[in-house]
Amino acid sequence: MTNYSKLAVVACALLCLSFIAPPQKLKVYLIGDSTMSVKQVKYYPETGWGMPFATFFDQSVVIDNRAQNGRSTKSFMAENRWTPVVDSLKAGDYVFIQFGHNDEVKTKATYTTEAEFRTNLTKYVSDTRSKKAIPILITPVARRTFDSSGKLLPSHEAYSAIVQSVAAENKVVLIDLDKLSQELLQKWGAEKSILLYNHLAPGEHPNYPAGKQDNTHFNELGARLMAQLVLAEIKKLNLPLADRIVKPQR
């Protein structure tokens, strides 16, 4: 082959490569409550699992975390936080939906009856699908509540069951984070699992000079482990999104 022919082959190869488009960027919206949300610096080391979750994907994925502290399925819509998400959705985007913590507490203004909770979840699903985007329903992550014998007590039985029911009835992908997180906490045990939550002694952190004993919200380690549970389910379910998780370098 002459030098001219070699150059022609190389030029042709480069031309072909120029037509290979990179993976189309897609957005993954996270909607939910404080266990998922991005935290203000004044609340550190409290960490929502959506924060480390965003770091596990390649540059073709944009994680848009709209979760907010203290929100329920009802208040998230009432505060006009949902409509802007729907308006921004494009075909192939994902919406990860995790509520329940604030819906189920009858003493909170955000309380949502079980019937309302079902209706609201169904609306999130139908609105997402109306834009040809992909809804993912997630049961509410467990609280750290053990009995005297060291057995973890269920936190969200009724509301987790509703999430599961809505997913089954509407053929929506379900990630049972309540179950998965319960299994993880039980494995860690009553004492060791403190290391996953926002537990601080007085004077240990400037944001909490009097200390903190929080069995609902995670620290950095706990949030990362919860995010890893979600990522493992994405892979197990063979979602196309799994192809965009960063591959370990060898």
Protein backbone atom coordinates (compact mmCIF):
# COMPACT_ATOMS: atom_id res chain seq x y z
CA MET A 1 0.00 0.00 0.00
CA THR A 2 1.38 3.39 -0.97
CA ASN A 3 1.71 6.26 1.47
CA TYR A 4 -1.13 7.99 -0.38
CA SER A 5 -3.37 4.96 0.08
CA LYS A 6 -2.54 4.74 3.77
CA LEU A 7 -3.41 8.39 4.25
CA ALA A 8 -6.68 7.86 2.42
CA VAL A 9 -7.59 4.95 4.70
CA VAL A 10 -6.78 6.99 7.82
CA ALA A 11 -8.77 9.95 6.53
CA CYS A 12 -11.74 7.71 5.78
CA ALA A 13 -11.58 6.18 9.26
CA LEU A 14 -11.47 9.60 10.90
CA LEU A 15 -14.42 10.72 8.79
CA CYS A 16 -16.44 7.70 9.87
CA LEU A 17 -15.61 8.34 13.51
CA SER A 18 -16.84 11.89 13.20
CA PHE A 19 -20.30 10.57 12.39
CA ILE A 20 -20.48 8.37 15.50
CA ALA A 21 -22.59 10.47 17.83
CA PRO A 22 -21.91 10.36 21.57
CA PRO A 23 -24.71 8.98 23.75
CA GLN A 24 -27.61 11.40 23.86
CA LYS A 25 -27.76 13.28 27.14
CA LEU A 26 -30.70 12.47 29.34
CA LYS A 27 -31.99 13.83 32.58
CA VAL A 28 -32.85 11.94 35.72
CA TYR A 29 -35.18 13.92 37.96
CA LEU A 30 -35.38 13.06 41.65
CA ILE A 31 -38.55 14.13 43.43
CA GLY A 32 -39.16 13.38 47.07
CA ASP A 33 -38.34 14.45 50.61
CA SER A 34 -35.38 15.19 52.87
CA THR A 35 -33.99 11.65 52.79
CA MET A 36 -33.22 12.22 49.09
CA SER A 37 -32.62 15.98 48.84
CA VAL A 38 -29.51 18.12 48.36
CA LYS A 39 -28.62 19.71 51.69
CA GLN A 40 -27.64 23.26 52.46
CA VAL A 41 -24.20 23.62 54.02
CA LYS A 42 -25.76 24.64 57.33
CA TYR A 43 -27.21 21.13 57.66
CA TYR A 44 -24.01 19.16 56.98
CA PRO A 45 -23.11 16.39 57.65
CA GLU A 46 -26.77 15.51 56.99
CA THR A 47 -26.83 14.10 53.46
CA GLY A 48 -29.66 13.03 51.18
CA TRP A 49 -29.00 9.83 49.21
CA GLY A 50 -29.62 11.74 45.99
CA MET A 51 -26.36 13.62 46.53
CA PRO A 52 -23.91 10.71 46.18
CA PHE A 53 -26.29 9.07 43.67
CA ALA A 54 -25.49 11.85 41.20
CA THR A 55 -21.77 11.01 41.18
CA PHE A 56 -22.13 7.44 39.90
CA PHE A 57 -23.12 8.30 36.32
CA ASP A 58 -21.07 9.30 33.28
CA GLN A 59 -21.26 12.70 31.59
CA SER A 60 -24.20 11.67 29.41
CA VAL A 61 -26.50 11.83 32.46
CA VAL A 62 -27.67 14.96 34.26
CA ILE A 63 -29.13 14.37 37.72
CA ASP A 64 -31.68 17.08 38.57
CA ASN A 65 -32.48 16.64 42.26
CA ARG A 66 -35.73 18.48 43.02
CA ALA A 67 -36.40 16.68 46.32
CA GLN A 68 -37.12 19.02 49.22
CA ASN A 69 -37.04 18.70 53.00
CA GLY A 70 -40.41 18.10 54.61
CA ARG A 71 -42.41 17.56 51.44
CA SER A 72 -45.14 15.03 50.78
CA THR A 73 -46.80 14.01 47.53
CA LYS A 74 -49.43 16.66 48.31
CA SER A 75 -47.23 19.61 49.31
CA PHE A 76 -44.73 19.00 46.50
CA MET A 77 -47.54 19.60 44.01
CA ALA A 78 -49.26 22.35 46.00
CA GLU A 79 -46.04 24.39 46.04
CA ASN A 80 -45.82 24.16 42.24
CA ARG A 81 -42.67 22.04 42.36
CA TRP A 82 -44.06 19.31 40.10
CA THR A 83 -45.39 21.29 37.11
CA PRO A 84 -41.94 22.72 36.20
CA VAL A 85 -40.56 19.17 36.13
CA VAL A 86 -43.34 17.99 33.80
CA ASP A 87 -42.83 21.00 31.55
CA SER A 88 -39.11 20.18 31.27
CA LEU A 89 -39.43 16.45 30.63
CA LYS A 90 -38.29 14.97 27.34
CA ALA A 91 -38.79 11.51 25.92
CA GLY A 92 -36.43 9.04 27.56
CA ASP A 93 -35.86 11.07 30.72
CA TYR A 94 -36.38 9.40 34.09
CA VAL A 95 -38.31 10.52 37.15
CA PHE A 96 -37.42 8.79 40.41
CA ILE A 97 -40.34 9.25 42.85
CA GLN A 98 -39.84 8.66 46.58
CA PHE A 99 -42.35 9.98 49.10
CA GLY A 100 -44.00 8.69 52.26
CA HIS A 101 -42.07 10.04 55.24
CA ASN A 102 -44.14 13.20 55.49
CA ASP A 103 -47.32 11.87 53.91
CA GLU A 104 -47.87 9.39 56.73
CA VAL A 105 -47.45 11.69 59.76
CA LYS A 106 -50.91 12.83 60.84
CA THR A 107 -49.59 15.69 62.98
CA LYS A 108 -47.89 17.39 60.03
CA ALA A 109 -49.51 19.84 57.62
CA THR A 110 -48.10 17.69 54.84
CA TYR A 111 -50.18 14.70 55.95
CA THR A 112 -51.77 12.86 53.05
CA THR A 113 -54.42 10.21 53.55
CA GLU A 114 -53.74 6.80 52.09
CA ALA A 115 -56.31 7.41 49.35
CA GLU A 116 -54.75 10.80 48.50
CA PHE A 117 -51.28 9.26 48.51
CA ARG A 118 -52.39 6.68 45.95
CA THR A 119 -54.03 9.34 43.78
CA ASN A 120 -50.98 11.59 43.92
CA LEU A 121 -48.53 8.82 43.03
CA THR A 122 -50.73 7.82 40.10
CA LYS A 123 -50.70 11.41 38.87
CA TYR A 124 -46.91 11.59 39.05
CA VAL A 125 -46.75 8.42 36.96
CA SER A 126 -49.32 9.49 34.36
CA ASP A 127 -47.86 12.99 34.01
CA THR A 128 -44.39 11.51 33.49
CA ARG A 129 -45.63 9.07 30.87
CA SER A 130 -47.55 11.81 29.07
CA LYS A 131 -44.14 13.23 28.13
CA LYS A 132 -42.82 9.79 27.11
CA ALA A 133 -40.49 9.86 30.11
CA ILE A 134 -39.92 6.91 32.46
CA PRO A 135 -41.29 6.91 36.03
CA ILE A 136 -39.55 4.87 38.74
CA LEU A 137 -41.45 4.41 41.99
CA ILE A 138 -39.39 4.03 45.18
CA THR A 139 -40.72 3.00 48.56
CA PRO A 140 -39.70 5.36 51.41
CA VAL A 141 -36.32 4.56 52.88
CA ALA A 142 -36.40 3.06 56.38
CA ARG A 143 -35.97 4.89 59.65
CA ARG A 144 -33.55 3.55 62.24
CA THR A 145 -35.91 2.18 64.90
CA PHE A 146 -34.93 -0.98 66.78
CA ASP A 147 -36.79 -2.74 69.57
CA SER A 148 -35.19 -3.86 72.83
CA SER A 149 -34.16 -7.18 71.30
CA GLY A 150 -32.28 -5.53 68.44
CA LYS A 151 -34.90 -6.13 65.77
CA LEU A 152 -35.54 -3.33 63.30
CA LEU A 153 -39.13 -2.14 63.36
CA PRO A 154 -40.88 -1.36 60.05
CA SER A 155 -41.36 2.35 59.45
CA HIS A 156 -43.75 2.72 56.55
CA GLU A 157 -45.81 -0.45 56.16
CA ALA A 158 -49.05 1.13 54.90
CA TYR A 159 -47.46 3.74 52.64
CA SER A 160 -44.83 1.38 51.23
CA ALA A 161 -47.64 -1.04 50.38
CA ILE A 162 -49.43 1.72 48.46
CA VAL A 163 -46.29 2.48 46.43
CA GLN A 164 -45.99 -1.21 45.59
CA SER A 165 -49.66 -1.39 44.64
CA VAL A 166 -49.52 1.67 42.38
CA ALA A 167 -46.42 0.26 40.68
CA ALA A 168 -48.10 -3.10 40.06
CA GLU A 169 -51.38 -1.61 38.84
CA ASN A 170 -49.66 0.78 36.43
CA LYS A 171 -46.80 -1.52 35.41
CA VAL A 172 -44.20 0.89 36.73
CA VAL A 173 -40.67 -0.12 37.68
CA LEU A 174 -40.43 -0.39 41.47
CA ILE A 175 -37.37 -0.06 43.68
CA ASP A 176 -38.32 -1.31 47.14
CA LEU A 177 -35.88 0.85 49.06
CA ASP A 178 -37.84 0.39 52.27
CA LYS A 179 -37.19 -3.35 52.19
CA LEU A 180 -33.60 -3.02 51.00
CA SER A 181 -32.69 -0.40 53.60
CA GLN A 182 -34.35 -2.43 56.36
CA GLU A 183 -32.21 -5.42 55.41
CA LEU A 184 -29.08 -3.25 55.44
CA LEU A 185 -29.89 -1.73 58.84
CA GLN A 186 -30.67 -5.11 60.36
CA LYS A 187 -27.34 -6.40 59.06
CA TRP A 188 -25.50 -3.47 60.66
CA GLY A 189 -27.45 -3.84 63.89
CA ALA A 190 -28.83 -1.43 66.46
CA GLU A 191 -25.50 0.04 67.59
CA LYS A 192 -23.38 -0.03 64.45
CA SER A 193 -26.15 1.46 62.29
CA ILE A 194 -25.81 4.71 64.24
CA LEU A 195 -22.76 5.30 62.04
CA LEU A 196 -25.07 5.75 59.02
CA TYR A 197 -27.24 8.51 60.49
CA ASN A 198 -26.82 12.09 61.56
CA HIS A 199 -25.76 11.29 65.13
CA LEU A 200 -23.36 13.80 66.65
CA ALA A 201 -22.07 14.39 70.15
CA PRO A 202 -22.19 17.92 71.61
CA GLY A 203 -19.35 19.98 70.15
CA GLU A 204 -18.56 17.39 67.47
CA HIS A 205 -19.72 19.54 64.56
CA PRO A 206 -20.18 23.34 64.39
CA ASN A 207 -23.59 22.99 62.74
CA TYR A 208 -24.87 21.09 65.78
CA PRO A 209 -23.15 22.53 68.88
CA ALA A 210 -25.64 20.78 71.18
CA GLY A 211 -25.27 17.50 69.30
CA LYS A 212 -27.86 15.59 67.28
CA GLN A 213 -29.59 12.22 67.44
CA ASP A 214 -31.40 11.80 64.15
CA ASN A 215 -32.64 8.36 63.11
CA THR A 216 -34.25 9.53 59.87
CA HIS A 217 -31.57 11.51 58.04
CA PHE A 218 -28.26 10.09 56.88
CA ASN A 219 -24.68 11.26 57.12
CA GLU A 220 -22.35 10.94 54.13
CA LEU A 221 -21.70 7.23 54.66
CA GLY A 222 -25.34 6.33 55.15
CA ALA A 223 -26.45 8.33 52.11
CA ARG A 224 -23.83 6.65 49.93
CA LEU A 225 -24.88 3.18 51.03
CA MET A 226 -28.53 3.97 50.30
CA ALA A 227 -27.58 5.34 46.88
CA GLN A 228 -25.67 2.14 46.21
CA LEU A 229 -28.79 0.12 47.00
CA VAL A 230 -30.67 2.08 44.35
CA LEU A 231 -27.84 1.69 41.84
CA ALA A 232 -27.71 -2.06 42.43
CA GLU A 233 -31.43 -2.28 41.68
CA ILE A 234 -31.00 -0.26 38.48
CA LYS A 235 -28.48 -2.85 37.34
CA LYS A 236 -30.56 -5.79 38.54
CA LEU A 237 -33.62 -4.51 36.68
CA ASN A 238 -31.54 -4.09 33.50
CA LEU A 239 -32.71 -0.51 33.02
CA PRO A 240 -31.06 1.22 30.04
CA LEU A 241 -29.83 3.79 32.56
CA ALA A 242 -27.50 1.12 33.94
CA ASP A 243 -25.34 1.45 30.83
CA ARG A 244 -24.52 5.00 31.89
CA ILE A 245 -23.19 4.13 35.33
CA VAL A 246 -19.47 4.87 35.48
CA LYS A 247 -17.40 1.76 34.85
CA PRO A 248 -14.52 1.06 37.26
CA GLN A 249 -11.15 1.85 35.71
CA ARG A 250 -8.76 -1.05 35.31
